[in-house]
């Protein structure tokens, strides 16, 4: 069994956590090659990859938990998991935290949007009452079995209640017991700095490519005051751009052989995905001779 990195210990040591989003299992095995201690399981990109649907509260807890379990099985890193709103009321939150923890998540993120929720960087979001979210956080903290499983409280109130309203929620969510505070979709570096200065908790930044929050490097985010950052869209958008380029070349040139289309080594990918074990099994049990 893989021993997962301990996010609580890493934060206590003062290390900055940089977690790429992994939208599918191909990106997961490539991340294993590159080497990341922590990765992020995004509701938006998991839904888009598995279902071809928008992040609008359409997929269910069961679907997302199964997706998470496969990712935790595939990747070597500790998985920070997006659990949307907890998929319902307080009992649902309890069930979600227990299920996500059993699936392998080392941190579980819950947000204060009304159900059905929407991507935090798209319009028409609505948030629940602050006291209702505080209760969700208390339930989530009580539901975890491992004290090192961290609860991330996200607020989407910036575009609904303004910066001051979102900050007030972040402070309240920390008081309710959240281990990490995530104020989503801040709109300037000034807001990012003010939030980090005000909240006495590890703060998480969302570096969503194309979103509302300005993209900053790890060093810049450390200077601003963040302890961790997710890049949820990077691998998916990079993959989509590469797929589009490859398909356009194939359509127009009739071949995949082009200097404009870099291809990952098929032989190396066979290694990454685990074929050597299959081949060794065949040699041992099926008396298959090497070609």
Protein backbone atom coordinates (compact mmCIF):
# COMPACT_ATOMS: atom_id res chain seq x y z
CA UNK A 1 0.00 0.00 0.00
CA UNK A 2 1.29 3.47 -0.93
CA UNK A 3 2.11 5.75 2.00
CA UNK A 4 0.61 9.15 1.21
CA UNK A 5 2.47 12.39 1.96
CA UNK A 6 1.16 14.17 5.04
CA UNK A 7 -0.25 17.59 4.12
CA UNK A 8 -0.66 18.71 7.72
CA UNK A 9 3.00 17.99 8.45
CA UNK A 10 4.11 19.76 5.27
CA UNK A 11 2.16 22.88 6.20
CA UNK A 12 3.41 22.76 9.80
CA UNK A 13 6.96 22.67 8.42
CA UNK A 14 6.25 25.88 6.51
CA UNK A 15 6.61 24.32 3.08
CA UNK A 16 4.75 25.86 0.15
CA UNK A 17 2.42 23.32 -1.47
CA UNK A 18 2.05 23.39 -5.26
CA UNK A 19 -0.62 20.99 -6.51
CA UNK A 20 -1.48 20.51 -10.18
CA UNK A 21 -4.96 19.42 -11.12
CA UNK A 22 -5.17 15.97 -12.71
CA UNK A 23 -8.19 15.61 -14.97
CA UNK A 24 -7.66 12.00 -16.04
CA UNK A 25 -5.48 8.97 -15.42
CA UNK A 26 -3.11 9.71 -18.30
CA UNK A 27 -2.19 12.97 -16.60
CA UNK A 28 -1.90 11.02 -13.35
CA UNK A 29 0.74 8.60 -14.63
CA UNK A 30 2.64 11.45 -16.26
CA UNK A 31 2.54 13.30 -12.92
CA UNK A 32 4.05 10.18 -11.34
CA UNK A 33 6.94 10.47 -13.78
CA UNK A 34 7.47 14.19 -13.19
CA UNK A 35 7.06 13.84 -9.44
CA UNK A 36 4.62 15.85 -7.33
CA UNK A 37 4.07 15.40 -3.61
CA UNK A 38 0.47 16.63 -3.77
CA UNK A 39 -2.09 16.86 -6.58
CA UNK A 40 -5.62 18.19 -6.90
CA UNK A 41 -8.78 16.38 -7.98
CA UNK A 42 -11.00 19.06 -9.54
CA UNK A 43 -14.76 18.79 -9.77
CA UNK A 44 -14.81 20.90 -12.94
CA UNK A 45 -12.16 18.97 -14.84
CA UNK A 46 -13.11 15.55 -13.50
CA UNK A 47 -16.67 16.15 -14.68
CA UNK A 48 -15.53 17.43 -18.06
CA UNK A 49 -13.14 14.51 -18.57
CA UNK A 50 -15.37 11.68 -17.38
CA UNK A 51 -18.80 12.92 -18.40
CA UNK A 52 -18.29 15.61 -21.03
CA UNK A 53 -20.48 17.91 -18.93
CA UNK A 54 -20.09 21.36 -17.34
CA UNK A 55 -19.33 21.82 -13.65
CA UNK A 56 -22.88 22.77 -12.73
CA UNK A 57 -23.92 20.28 -10.04
CA UNK A 58 -24.94 17.63 -12.56
CA UNK A 59 -22.68 14.77 -11.54
CA UNK A 60 -23.40 12.88 -8.33
CA UNK A 61 -21.45 12.06 -5.20
CA UNK A 62 -21.21 8.43 -6.28
CA UNK A 63 -19.72 9.31 -9.67
CA UNK A 64 -17.18 11.70 -8.20
CA UNK A 65 -16.18 9.37 -5.39
CA UNK A 66 -15.52 6.57 -7.87
CA UNK A 67 -13.44 8.94 -9.97
CA UNK A 68 -11.49 9.99 -6.88
CA UNK A 69 -10.85 6.41 -5.84
CA UNK A 70 -9.36 5.59 -9.24
CA UNK A 71 -7.14 8.68 -9.10
CA UNK A 72 -5.92 7.82 -5.60
CA UNK A 73 -5.14 4.30 -6.78
CA UNK A 74 -3.24 5.56 -9.82
CA UNK A 75 -1.22 8.50 -8.53
CA UNK A 76 1.64 8.36 -6.04
CA UNK A 77 0.98 11.81 -4.61
CA UNK A 78 -1.39 12.85 -1.86
CA UNK A 79 -4.74 13.83 -3.39
CA UNK A 80 -6.52 17.03 -2.38
CA UNK A 81 -10.14 16.41 -3.35
CA UNK A 82 -12.85 18.83 -4.43
CA UNK A 83 -16.10 17.70 -2.79
CA UNK A 84 -18.25 20.55 -4.13
CA UNK A 85 -20.97 21.44 -1.58
CA UNK A 86 -20.77 18.09 0.18
CA UNK A 87 -23.58 16.98 -2.15
CA UNK A 88 -26.45 18.11 0.04
CA UNK A 89 -27.22 18.80 3.68
CA UNK A 90 -25.34 17.98 6.86
CA UNK A 91 -25.88 14.22 6.64
CA UNK A 92 -24.61 14.31 3.05
CA UNK A 93 -21.51 16.19 4.19
CA UNK A 94 -20.84 13.54 6.82
CA UNK A 95 -21.26 10.80 4.22
CA UNK A 96 -19.07 12.62 1.69
CA UNK A 97 -16.17 13.17 4.06
CA UNK A 98 -16.23 9.55 5.17
CA UNK A 99 -16.45 8.32 1.59
CA UNK A 100 -13.74 10.60 0.24
CA UNK A 101 -11.41 9.74 3.10
CA UNK A 102 -11.97 6.02 2.49
CA UNK A 103 -11.27 6.59 -1.22
CA UNK A 104 -7.85 7.96 -0.31
CA UNK A 105 -8.14 11.75 -0.13
CA UNK A 106 -5.73 13.47 2.27
CA UNK A 107 -7.64 16.78 2.17
CA UNK A 108 -11.29 17.45 1.37
CA UNK A 109 -12.61 20.78 0.06
CA UNK A 110 -16.20 21.88 0.69
CA UNK A 111 -17.72 25.13 -0.59
CA UNK A 112 -20.57 27.39 0.46
CA UNK A 113 -22.51 27.54 -2.79
CA UNK A 114 -26.16 26.66 -3.07
CA UNK A 115 -26.91 23.36 -4.76
CA UNK A 116 -26.65 22.90 -7.69
CA UNK A 117 -23.28 24.61 -7.60
CA UNK A 118 -21.30 26.11 -10.49
CA UNK A 119 -17.64 26.58 -11.33
CA UNK A 120 -16.27 29.34 -9.12
CA UNK A 121 -15.02 31.35 -12.09
CA UNK A 122 -18.33 31.40 -13.97
CA UNK A 123 -21.38 33.64 -13.37
CA UNK A 124 -24.69 33.14 -11.53
CA UNK A 125 -23.27 31.63 -8.36
CA UNK A 126 -25.33 31.75 -5.16
CA UNK A 127 -24.16 31.02 -1.63
CA UNK A 128 -25.87 29.52 1.39
CA UNK A 129 -26.20 31.34 4.72
CA UNK A 130 -22.90 31.66 6.54
CA UNK A 131 -24.15 29.80 9.63
CA UNK A 132 -25.24 26.89 7.43
CA UNK A 133 -21.74 26.60 6.00
CA UNK A 134 -20.23 26.85 9.47
CA UNK A 135 -22.33 23.84 10.45
CA UNK A 136 -21.14 21.96 7.37
CA UNK A 137 -17.54 22.59 8.41
CA UNK A 138 -18.20 21.36 11.95
CA UNK A 139 -19.80 18.21 10.59
CA UNK A 140 -16.93 17.65 8.15
CA UNK A 141 -14.32 18.00 10.90
CA UNK A 142 -16.22 15.56 13.12
CA UNK A 143 -16.72 13.04 10.29
CA UNK A 144 -13.07 12.44 9.46
CA UNK A 145 -11.49 9.40 11.02
CA UNK A 146 -7.87 10.42 10.51
CA UNK A 147 -6.93 13.70 12.21
CA UNK A 148 -4.39 14.29 9.44
CA UNK A 149 -7.19 14.45 6.86
CA UNK A 150 -7.57 18.20 6.38
CA UNK A 151 -10.82 20.06 5.79
CA UNK A 152 -10.62 22.94 3.30
CA UNK A 153 -13.41 25.52 3.56
CA UNK A 154 -14.04 27.41 0.34
CA UNK A 155 -16.21 30.48 -0.02
CA UNK A 156 -17.59 31.64 -3.35
CA UNK A 157 -18.99 34.86 -1.89
CA UNK A 158 -16.58 37.30 -3.57
CA UNK A 159 -18.86 37.89 -6.58
CA UNK A 160 -22.03 37.70 -4.43
CA UNK A 161 -21.23 39.63 -1.24
CA UNK A 162 -18.09 41.50 -2.29
CA UNK A 163 -14.58 41.14 -0.90
CA UNK A 164 -15.50 42.11 2.65
CA UNK A 165 -18.32 39.57 2.73
CA UNK A 166 -16.06 36.83 1.41
CA UNK A 167 -13.36 37.70 3.93
CA UNK A 168 -15.87 37.62 6.79
CA UNK A 169 -16.86 34.14 5.70
CA UNK A 170 -13.24 33.01 5.52
CA UNK A 171 -12.66 34.20 9.09
CA UNK A 172 -15.84 32.50 10.30
CA UNK A 173 -14.99 29.24 8.55
CA UNK A 174 -11.61 29.12 10.25
CA UNK A 175 -13.33 29.70 13.58
CA UNK A 176 -15.70 26.83 12.79
CA UNK A 177 -12.74 24.47 12.50
CA UNK A 178 -11.50 24.52 8.90
CA UNK A 179 -7.84 23.56 8.61
CA UNK A 180 -7.33 25.53 5.39
CA UNK A 181 -9.25 28.56 4.11
CA UNK A 182 -9.90 29.05 0.39
CA UNK A 183 -11.43 32.36 -0.70
CA UNK A 184 -12.31 31.67 -4.31
CA UNK A 185 -12.08 33.99 -7.33
CA UNK A 186 -10.34 36.97 -5.77
CA UNK A 187 -9.89 39.58 -8.45
CA UNK A 188 -6.55 41.29 -7.75
CA UNK A 189 -3.23 40.79 -6.02
CA UNK A 190 -4.29 43.43 -3.50
CA UNK A 191 -7.30 41.33 -2.51
CA UNK A 192 -5.10 38.26 -2.26
CA UNK A 193 -2.70 40.04 0.09
CA UNK A 194 -5.48 41.48 2.25
CA UNK A 195 -7.07 38.06 2.63
CA UNK A 196 -3.82 36.38 3.61
CA UNK A 197 -3.02 39.12 6.12
CA UNK A 198 -6.45 38.85 7.76
CA UNK A 199 -6.98 35.09 8.06
CA UNK A 200 -4.92 33.25 10.66
CA UNK A 201 -4.87 29.93 8.83
CA UNK A 202 -3.10 28.28 5.92
CA UNK A 203 -4.52 29.98 2.84
CA UNK A 204 -5.03 28.26 -0.50
CA UNK A 205 -4.92 30.06 -3.84
CA UNK A 206 -6.67 28.89 -6.98
CA UNK A 207 -4.50 29.54 -10.04
CA UNK A 208 -7.24 28.75 -12.54
CA UNK A 209 -5.89 29.50 -16.00
CA UNK A 210 -8.35 31.85 -17.67
CA UNK A 211 -10.19 32.57 -14.40
CA UNK A 212 -10.77 35.73 -12.39
CA UNK A 213 -7.72 35.50 -10.14
CA UNK A 214 -4.37 36.73 -11.53
CA UNK A 215 -1.87 33.92 -12.06
CA UNK A 216 1.21 34.22 -9.91
CA UNK A 217 4.26 31.98 -9.49
CA UNK A 218 4.92 29.91 -6.39
CA UNK A 219 7.50 32.43 -5.15
CA UNK A 220 5.10 35.31 -5.71
CA UNK A 221 2.30 33.52 -3.88
CA UNK A 222 4.57 32.81 -0.93
CA UNK A 223 5.39 36.51 -0.80
CA UNK A 224 1.67 37.35 -0.89
CA UNK A 225 1.09 35.07 2.09
CA UNK A 226 -0.31 31.83 0.69
CA UNK A 227 0.79 28.44 1.98
CA UNK A 228 -0.53 26.42 -0.94
CA UNK A 229 -1.86 26.75 -4.47
CA UNK A 230 -3.72 24.57 -6.92
CA UNK A 231 -3.43 24.78 -10.69
CA UNK A 232 -6.63 22.87 -11.51
CA UNK A 233 -6.95 23.68 -15.22
CA UNK A 234 -3.37 23.55 -16.48
CA UNK A 235 -3.08 19.91 -17.52
CA UNK A 236 -6.57 19.76 -19.02
CA UNK A 237 -6.20 22.95 -21.06
CA UNK A 238 -2.73 21.90 -22.20
CA UNK A 239 -4.07 18.50 -23.22
CA UNK A 240 -7.02 20.05 -25.08
CA UNK A 241 -4.68 22.36 -26.99
CA UNK A 242 -2.40 19.46 -27.90
CA UNK A 243 -5.32 17.27 -29.00
CA UNK A 244 -6.73 20.06 -31.16
CA UNK A 245 -3.34 20.58 -32.81
CA UNK A 246 -2.91 16.87 -33.47
CA UNK A 247 -6.42 16.49 -34.90
CA UNK A 248 -6.06 19.54 -37.13
CA UNK A 249 -2.78 18.19 -38.48
CA UNK A 250 -4.28 14.75 -39.07
CA UNK A 251 -7.31 16.26 -40.81
CA UNK A 252 -5.32 18.50 -43.12
CA UNK A 253 -2.16 16.41 -43.69
CA UNK A 254 -3.59 12.91 -43.41
CA UNK A 255 -0.84 11.75 -41.04
CA UNK A 256 0.27 12.00 -37.44
CA UNK A 257 3.90 12.39 -38.47
CA UNK A 258 4.61 16.10 -38.18
CA UNK A 259 7.18 18.25 -36.40
CA UNK A 260 4.21 20.30 -35.20
CA UNK A 261 2.77 17.34 -33.28
CA UNK A 262 5.05 16.14 -30.46
CA UNK A 263 4.00 12.65 -29.35
CA UNK A 264 4.79 11.04 -26.03
CA UNK A 265 6.84 7.86 -26.44
CA UNK A 266 4.51 4.87 -26.79
CA UNK A 267 7.18 2.59 -25.31
CA UNK A 268 7.61 4.83 -22.29
CA UNK A 269 3.86 5.18 -21.82
CA UNK A 270 3.57 1.38 -21.75
CA UNK A 271 6.01 1.51 -18.84
CA UNK A 272 4.13 4.25 -17.03
CA UNK A 273 0.74 2.57 -17.34
CA UNK A 274 2.05 -0.73 -15.95
CA UNK A 275 2.51 -3.10 -18.89
CA UNK A 276 5.84 -4.53 -17.63
CA UNK A 277 3.98 -6.27 -14.81
CA UNK A 278 1.50 -7.72 -17.32
CA UNK A 279 4.34 -9.00 -19.49
CA UNK A 280 6.14 -10.48 -16.49
CA UNK A 281 2.91 -12.18 -15.43
CA UNK A 282 2.50 -13.68 -18.89
CA UNK A 283 6.08 -14.96 -18.90
CA UNK A 284 5.62 -16.56 -15.49
CA UNK A 285 2.14 -18.04 -15.76
CA UNK A 286 1.33 -18.42 -19.45
CA UNK A 287 4.71 -19.63 -20.70
CA UNK A 288 4.86 -16.81 -23.24
CA UNK A 289 8.23 -16.50 -24.93
CA UNK A 290 9.76 -13.09 -25.49
CA UNK A 291 9.36 -11.81 -29.06
